[in-house]
Amino acid sequence: VGAIELNVFGDNARAVGLYGSSGYRV
């Protein structure tokens, strides 16, 4: 599989930071 997606609640700053710094984009 060539891609992966996820949902994250906007108030979960730690997770948002992890995903962003791991190459995930909105």
PDB file of all heavy atoms in Angstrom:
ATOM      1  N   VAL A   1       0.858  -1.184   0.000  1.00  0.00           N
ATOM      2  CA  VAL A   1       0.000   0.000   0.000  1.00  0.00           C
ATOM      3  C   VAL A   1       0.894   1.235   0.000  1.00  0.00           C
ATOM      4  O   VAL A   1       1.875   1.308   0.741  1.00  0.00           O
ATOM      5  CB  VAL A   1      -0.948  -0.015   1.221  1.00  0.00           C
ATOM      6  CG1 VAL A   1      -1.848   1.214   1.219  1.00  0.00           C
ATOM      7  CG2 VAL A   1      -1.789  -1.292   1.232  1.00  0.00           C
ATOM      8  N   GLY A   2       0.542   2.220  -0.841  1.00  0.00           N
ATOM      9  CA  GLY A   2       1.426   3.347  -1.093  1.00  0.00           C
ATOM     10  C   GLY A   2       1.239   4.578  -0.240  1.00  0.00           C
ATOM     11  O   GLY A   2       2.025   5.517  -0.325  1.00  0.00           O
ATOM     12  N   ALA A   3       0.199   4.630   0.592  1.00  0.00           N
ATOM     13  CA  ALA A   3      -0.021   5.819   1.424  1.00  0.00           C
ATOM     14  C   ALA A   3      -0.777   5.406   2.683  1.00  0.00           C
ATOM     15  O   ALA A   3      -1.347   4.312   2.750  1.00  0.00           O
ATOM     16  CB  ALA A   3      -0.823   6.869   0.658  1.00  0.00           C
ATOM     17  N   ILE A   4      -0.754   6.291   3.653  1.00  0.00           N
ATOM     18  CA  ILE A   4      -1.507   6.062   4.885  1.00  0.00           C
ATOM     19  C   ILE A   4      -2.094   7.399   5.326  1.00  0.00           C
ATOM     20  O   ILE A   4      -1.460   8.447   5.164  1.00  0.00           O
ATOM     21  CB  ILE A   4      -0.635   5.424   5.987  1.00  0.00           C
ATOM     22  CG1 ILE A   4      -1.475   5.017   7.191  1.00  0.00           C
ATOM     23  CG2 ILE A   4       0.514   6.328   6.363  1.00  0.00           C
ATOM     24  CD1 ILE A   4      -0.733   4.112   8.173  1.00  0.00           C
ATOM     25  N   GLU A   5      -3.297   7.341   5.828  1.00  0.00           N
ATOM     26  CA  GLU A   5      -3.995   8.536   6.270  1.00  0.00           C
ATOM     27  C   GLU A   5      -4.502   8.313   7.689  1.00  0.00           C
ATOM     28  O   GLU A   5      -4.638   7.169   8.136  1.00  0.00           O
ATOM     29  CB  GLU A   5      -5.171   8.819   5.321  1.00  0.00           C
ATOM     30  CG  GLU A   5      -5.858  10.138   5.525  1.00  0.00           C
ATOM     31  CD  GLU A   5      -6.905  10.397   4.457  1.00  0.00           C
ATOM     32  OE1 GLU A   5      -6.518  10.796   3.330  1.00  0.00           O
ATOM     33  OE2 GLU A   5      -8.099  10.194   4.753  1.00  0.00           O
ATOM     34  N   LEU A   6      -4.815   9.396   8.388  1.00  0.00           N
ATOM     35  CA  LEU A   6      -5.348   9.303   9.745  1.00  0.00           C
ATOM     36  C   LEU A   6      -6.173  10.544  10.035  1.00  0.00           C
ATOM     37  O   LEU A   6      -6.117  11.526   9.308  1.00  0.00           O
ATOM     38  CB  LEU A   6      -4.202   9.178  10.761  1.00  0.00           C
ATOM     39  CG  LEU A   6      -3.142  10.275  10.763  1.00  0.00           C
ATOM     40  CD1 LEU A   6      -3.547  11.479  11.603  1.00  0.00           C
ATOM     41  CD2 LEU A   6      -1.826   9.719  11.261  1.00  0.00           C
ATOM     42  N   ASN A   7      -6.942  10.473  11.083  1.00  0.00           N
ATOM     43  CA  ASN A   7      -7.638  11.630  11.628  1.00  0.00           C
ATOM     44  C   ASN A   7      -7.045  11.916  12.992  1.00  0.00           C
ATOM     45  O   ASN A   7      -6.680  10.983  13.721  1.00  0.00           O
ATOM     46  CB  ASN A   7      -9.137  11.360  11.795  1.00  0.00           C
ATOM     47  CG  ASN A   7      -9.888  11.376  10.491  1.00  0.00           C
ATOM     48  OD1 ASN A   7      -9.475  12.002   9.529  1.00  0.00           O
ATOM     49  ND2 ASN A   7     -11.004  10.676  10.453  1.00  0.00           N
ATOM     50  N   VAL A   8      -6.987  13.180  13.351  1.00  0.00           N
ATOM     51  CA  VAL A   8      -6.509  13.571  14.671  1.00  0.00           C
ATOM     52  C   VAL A   8      -7.376  14.731  15.152  1.00  0.00           C
ATOM     53  O   VAL A   8      -7.711  15.624  14.374  1.00  0.00           O
ATOM     54  CB  VAL A   8      -5.005  13.937  14.651  1.00  0.00           C
ATOM     55  CG1 VAL A   8      -4.715  15.102  13.744  1.00  0.00           C
ATOM     56  CG2 VAL A   8      -4.486  14.200  16.050  1.00  0.00           C
ATOM     57  N   PHE A   9      -7.762  14.681  16.417  1.00  0.00           N
ATOM     58  CA  PHE A   9      -8.529  15.783  16.974  1.00  0.00           C
ATOM     59  C   PHE A   9      -7.632  17.015  17.074  1.00  0.00           C
ATOM     60  O   PHE A   9      -6.466  16.924  17.456  1.00  0.00           O
ATOM     61  CB  PHE A   9      -9.104  15.415  18.349  1.00  0.00           C
ATOM     62  CG  PHE A   9     -10.261  14.462  18.264  1.00  0.00           C
ATOM     63  CD1 PHE A   9     -10.096  13.120  18.562  1.00  0.00           C
ATOM     64  CD2 PHE A   9     -11.518  14.900  17.864  1.00  0.00           C
ATOM     65  CE1 PHE A   9     -11.155  12.232  18.472  1.00  0.00           C
ATOM     66  CE2 PHE A   9     -12.589  14.025  17.765  1.00  0.00           C
ATOM     67  CZ  PHE A   9     -12.408  12.683  18.075  1.00  0.00           C
ATOM     68  N   GLY A  10      -8.174  18.164  16.727  1.00  0.00           N
ATOM     69  CA  GLY A  10      -7.410  19.398  16.660  1.00  0.00           C
ATOM     70  C   GLY A  10      -6.780  19.827  17.966  1.00  0.00           C
ATOM     71  O   GLY A  10      -5.769  20.519  17.970  1.00  0.00           O
ATOM     72  N   ASP A  11      -7.356  19.396  19.089  1.00  0.00           N
ATOM     73  CA  ASP A  11      -6.801  19.810  20.377  1.00  0.00           C
ATOM     74  C   ASP A  11      -5.701  18.876  20.878  1.00  0.00           C
ATOM     75  O   ASP A  11      -5.154  19.078  21.948  1.00  0.00           O
ATOM     76  CB  ASP A  11      -7.903  19.944  21.436  1.00  0.00           C
ATOM     77  CG  ASP A  11      -8.563  18.618  21.788  1.00  0.00           C
ATOM     78  OD1 ASP A  11      -8.339  17.603  21.101  1.00  0.00           O
ATOM     79  OD2 ASP A  11      -9.330  18.606  22.777  1.00  0.00           O
ATOM     80  N   ASN A  12      -5.345  17.872  20.082  1.00  0.00           N
ATOM     81  CA  ASN A  12      -4.296  16.922  20.468  1.00  0.00           C
ATOM     82  C   ASN A  12      -2.965  17.403  19.883  1.00  0.00           C
ATOM     83  O   ASN A  12      -2.450  16.858  18.904  1.00  0.00           O
ATOM     84  CB  ASN A  12      -4.645  15.512  19.983  1.00  0.00           C
ATOM     85  CG  ASN A  12      -3.735  14.460  20.555  1.00  0.00           C
ATOM     86  OD1 ASN A  12      -2.662  14.747  21.070  1.00  0.00           O
ATOM     87  ND2 ASN A  12      -4.169  13.214  20.448  1.00  0.00           N
ATOM     88  N   ALA A  13      -2.429  18.440  20.508  1.00  0.00           N
ATOM     89  CA  ALA A  13      -1.225  19.099  19.977  1.00  0.00           C
ATOM     90  C   ALA A  13      -0.042  18.145  19.871  1.00  0.00           C
ATOM     91  O   ALA A  13       0.733  18.217  18.911  1.00  0.00           O
ATOM     92  CB  ALA A  13      -0.862  20.300  20.844  1.00  0.00           C
ATOM     93  N   ARG A  14       0.118  17.256  20.829  1.00  0.00           N
ATOM     94  CA  ARG A  14       1.254  16.318  20.789  1.00  0.00           C
ATOM     95  C   ARG A  14       1.160  15.431  19.547  1.00  0.00           C
ATOM     96  O   ARG A  14       2.145  15.244  18.824  1.00  0.00           O
ATOM     97  CB  ARG A  14       1.265  15.460  22.054  1.00  0.00           C
ATOM     98  CG  ARG A  14       2.373  14.412  22.032  1.00  0.00           C
ATOM     99  CD  ARG A  14       2.421  13.638  23.310  1.00  0.00           C
ATOM    100  NE  ARG A  14       3.323  14.350  24.204  1.00  0.00           N
ATOM    101  CZ  ARG A  14       3.568  14.005  25.441  1.00  0.00           C
ATOM    102  NH1 ARG A  14       2.976  12.973  25.967  1.00  0.00           N
ATOM    103  NH2 ARG A  14       4.413  14.691  26.172  1.00  0.00           N
ATOM    104  N   ALA A  15      -0.030  14.893  19.275  1.00  0.00           N
ATOM    105  CA  ALA A  15      -0.198  14.030  18.103  1.00  0.00           C
ATOM    106  C   ALA A  15      -0.045  14.826  16.806  1.00  0.00           C
ATOM    107  O   ALA A  15       0.609  14.365  15.870  1.00  0.00           O
ATOM    108  CB  ALA A  15      -1.557  13.336  18.148  1.00  0.00           C
ATOM    109  N   VAL A  16      -0.638  16.008  16.758  1.00  0.00           N
ATOM    110  CA  VAL A  16      -0.513  16.846  15.565  1.00  0.00           C
ATOM    111  C   VAL A  16       0.963  17.118  15.271  1.00  0.00           C
ATOM    112  O   VAL A  16       1.416  17.024  14.127  1.00  0.00           O
ATOM    113  CB  VAL A  16      -1.302  18.164  15.718  1.00  0.00           C
ATOM    114  CG1 VAL A  16      -0.987  19.142  14.598  1.00  0.00           C
ATOM    115  CG2 VAL A  16      -2.803  17.882  15.769  1.00  0.00           C
ATOM    116  N   GLY A  17       1.728  17.406  16.314  1.00  0.00           N
ATOM    117  CA  GLY A  17       3.158  17.648  16.149  1.00  0.00           C
ATOM    118  C   GLY A  17       3.904  16.418  15.651  1.00  0.00           C
ATOM    119  O   GLY A  17       4.750  16.510  14.762  1.00  0.00           O
ATOM    120  N   LEU A  18       3.592  15.275  16.235  1.00  0.00           N
ATOM    121  CA  LEU A  18       4.225  14.018  15.817  1.00  0.00           C
ATOM    122  C   LEU A  18       3.950  13.745  14.344  1.00  0.00           C
ATOM    123  O   LEU A  18       4.871  13.469  13.573  1.00  0.00           O
ATOM    124  CB  LEU A  18       3.730  12.848  16.671  1.00  0.00           C
ATOM    125  CG  LEU A  18       4.117  11.452  16.173  1.00  0.00           C
ATOM    126  CD1 LEU A  18       5.626  11.253  16.220  1.00  0.00           C
ATOM    127  CD2 LEU A  18       3.396  10.383  16.994  1.00  0.00           C
ATOM    128  N   TYR A  19       2.691  13.833  13.953  1.00  0.00           N
ATOM    129  CA  TYR A  19       2.356  13.514  12.569  1.00  0.00           C
ATOM    130  C   TYR A  19       2.984  14.503  11.599  1.00  0.00           C
ATOM    131  O   TYR A  19       3.524  14.114  10.565  1.00  0.00           O
ATOM    132  CB  TYR A  19       0.838  13.459  12.379  1.00  0.00           C
ATOM    133  CG  TYR A  19       0.162  12.445  13.271  1.00  0.00           C
ATOM    134  CD1 TYR A  19      -1.012  12.749  13.940  1.00  0.00           C
ATOM    135  CD2 TYR A  19       0.713  11.182  13.478  1.00  0.00           C
ATOM    136  CE1 TYR A  19      -1.626  11.826  14.764  1.00  0.00           C
ATOM    137  CE2 TYR A  19       0.108  10.254  14.309  1.00  0.00           C
ATOM    138  CZ  TYR A  19      -1.061  10.585  14.950  1.00  0.00           C
ATOM    139  OH  TYR A  19      -1.676   9.671  15.781  1.00  0.00           O
ATOM    140  N   GLY A  20       2.928  15.781  11.918  1.00  0.00           N
ATOM    141  CA  GLY A  20       3.527  16.787  11.047  1.00  0.00           C
ATOM    142  C   GLY A  20       5.023  16.582  10.881  1.00  0.00           C
ATOM    143  O   GLY A  20       5.549  16.647   9.768  1.00  0.00           O
ATOM    144  N   SER A  21       5.708  16.310  11.988  1.00  0.00           N
ATOM    145  CA  SER A  21       7.160  16.119  11.909  1.00  0.00           C
ATOM    146  C   SER A  21       7.533  14.767  11.308  1.00  0.00           C
ATOM    147  O   SER A  21       8.693  14.548  10.961  1.00  0.00           O
ATOM    148  CB  SER A  21       7.791  16.271  13.293  1.00  0.00           C
ATOM    149  OG  SER A  21       7.392  15.219  14.148  1.00  0.00           O
ATOM    150  N   SER A  22       6.534  13.878  11.145  1.00  0.00           N
ATOM    151  CA  SER A  22       6.773  12.578  10.516  1.00  0.00           C
ATOM    152  C   SER A  22       6.400  12.580   9.039  1.00  0.00           C
ATOM    153  O   SER A  22       6.386  11.528   8.399  1.00  0.00           O
ATOM    154  CB  SER A  22       5.984  11.492  11.253  1.00  0.00           C
ATOM    155  OG  SER A  22       6.447  11.358  12.579  1.00  0.00           O
ATOM    156  N   GLY A  23       6.048  13.744   8.500  1.00  0.00           N
ATOM    157  CA  GLY A  23       5.790  13.860   7.071  1.00  0.00           C
ATOM    158  C   GLY A  23       4.328  13.830   6.666  1.00  0.00           C
ATOM    159  O   GLY A  23       4.022  13.876   5.477  1.00  0.00           O
ATOM    160  N   TYR A  24       3.418  13.772   7.610  1.00  0.00           N
ATOM    161  CA  TYR A  24       1.990  13.812   7.278  1.00  0.00           C
ATOM    162  C   TYR A  24       1.612  15.262   6.982  1.00  0.00           C
ATOM    163  O   TYR A  24       2.151  16.187   7.569  1.00  0.00           O
ATOM    164  CB  TYR A  24       1.154  13.276   8.448  1.00  0.00           C
ATOM    165  CG  TYR A  24       1.290  11.787   8.628  1.00  0.00           C
ATOM    166  CD1 TYR A  24       2.444  11.241   9.178  1.00  0.00           C
ATOM    167  CD2 TYR A  24       0.281  10.927   8.239  1.00  0.00           C
ATOM    168  CE1 TYR A  24       2.587   9.878   9.336  1.00  0.00           C
ATOM    169  CE2 TYR A  24       0.409   9.560   8.395  1.00  0.00           C
ATOM    170  CZ  TYR A  24       1.568   9.039   8.942  1.00  0.00           C
ATOM    171  OH  TYR A  24       1.704   7.690   9.094  1.00  0.00           O
ATOM    172  N   ARG A  25       0.682  15.431   6.048  1.00  0.00           N
ATOM    173  CA  ARG A  25       0.215  16.773   5.712  1.00  0.00           C
ATOM    174  C   ARG A  25      -1.308  16.802   5.809  1.00  0.00           C
ATOM    175  O   ARG A  25      -1.974  15.768   5.664  1.00  0.00           O
ATOM    176  CB  ARG A  25       0.681  17.176   4.319  1.00  0.00           C
ATOM    177  CG  ARG A  25       0.139  16.288   3.227  1.00  0.00           C
ATOM    178  CD  ARG A  25       0.682  16.673   1.846  1.00  0.00           C
ATOM    179  NE  ARG A  25       0.233  15.728   0.841  1.00  0.00           N
ATOM    180  CZ  ARG A  25      -0.974  15.735   0.265  1.00  0.00           C
ATOM    181  NH1 ARG A  25      -1.849  16.656   0.576  1.00  0.00           N
ATOM    182  NH2 ARG A  25      -1.302  14.822  -0.632  1.00  0.00           N
ATOM    183  N   VAL A  26      -1.839  17.952   6.047  1.00  0.00           N
ATOM    184  CA  VAL A  26      -3.291  18.113   6.144  1.00  0.00           C
ATOM    185  C   VAL A  26      -3.881  17.974   4.745  1.00  0.00           C
ATOM    186  O   VAL A  26      -3.452  18.667   3.808  1.00  0.00           O
ATOM    187  CB  VAL A  26      -3.656  19.482   6.760  1.00  0.00           C
ATOM    188  CG1 VAL A  26      -5.171  19.686   6.739  1.00  0.00           C
ATOM    189  CG2 VAL A  26      -3.123  19.592   8.180  1.00  0.00           C
TER     190      VAL A  26
END
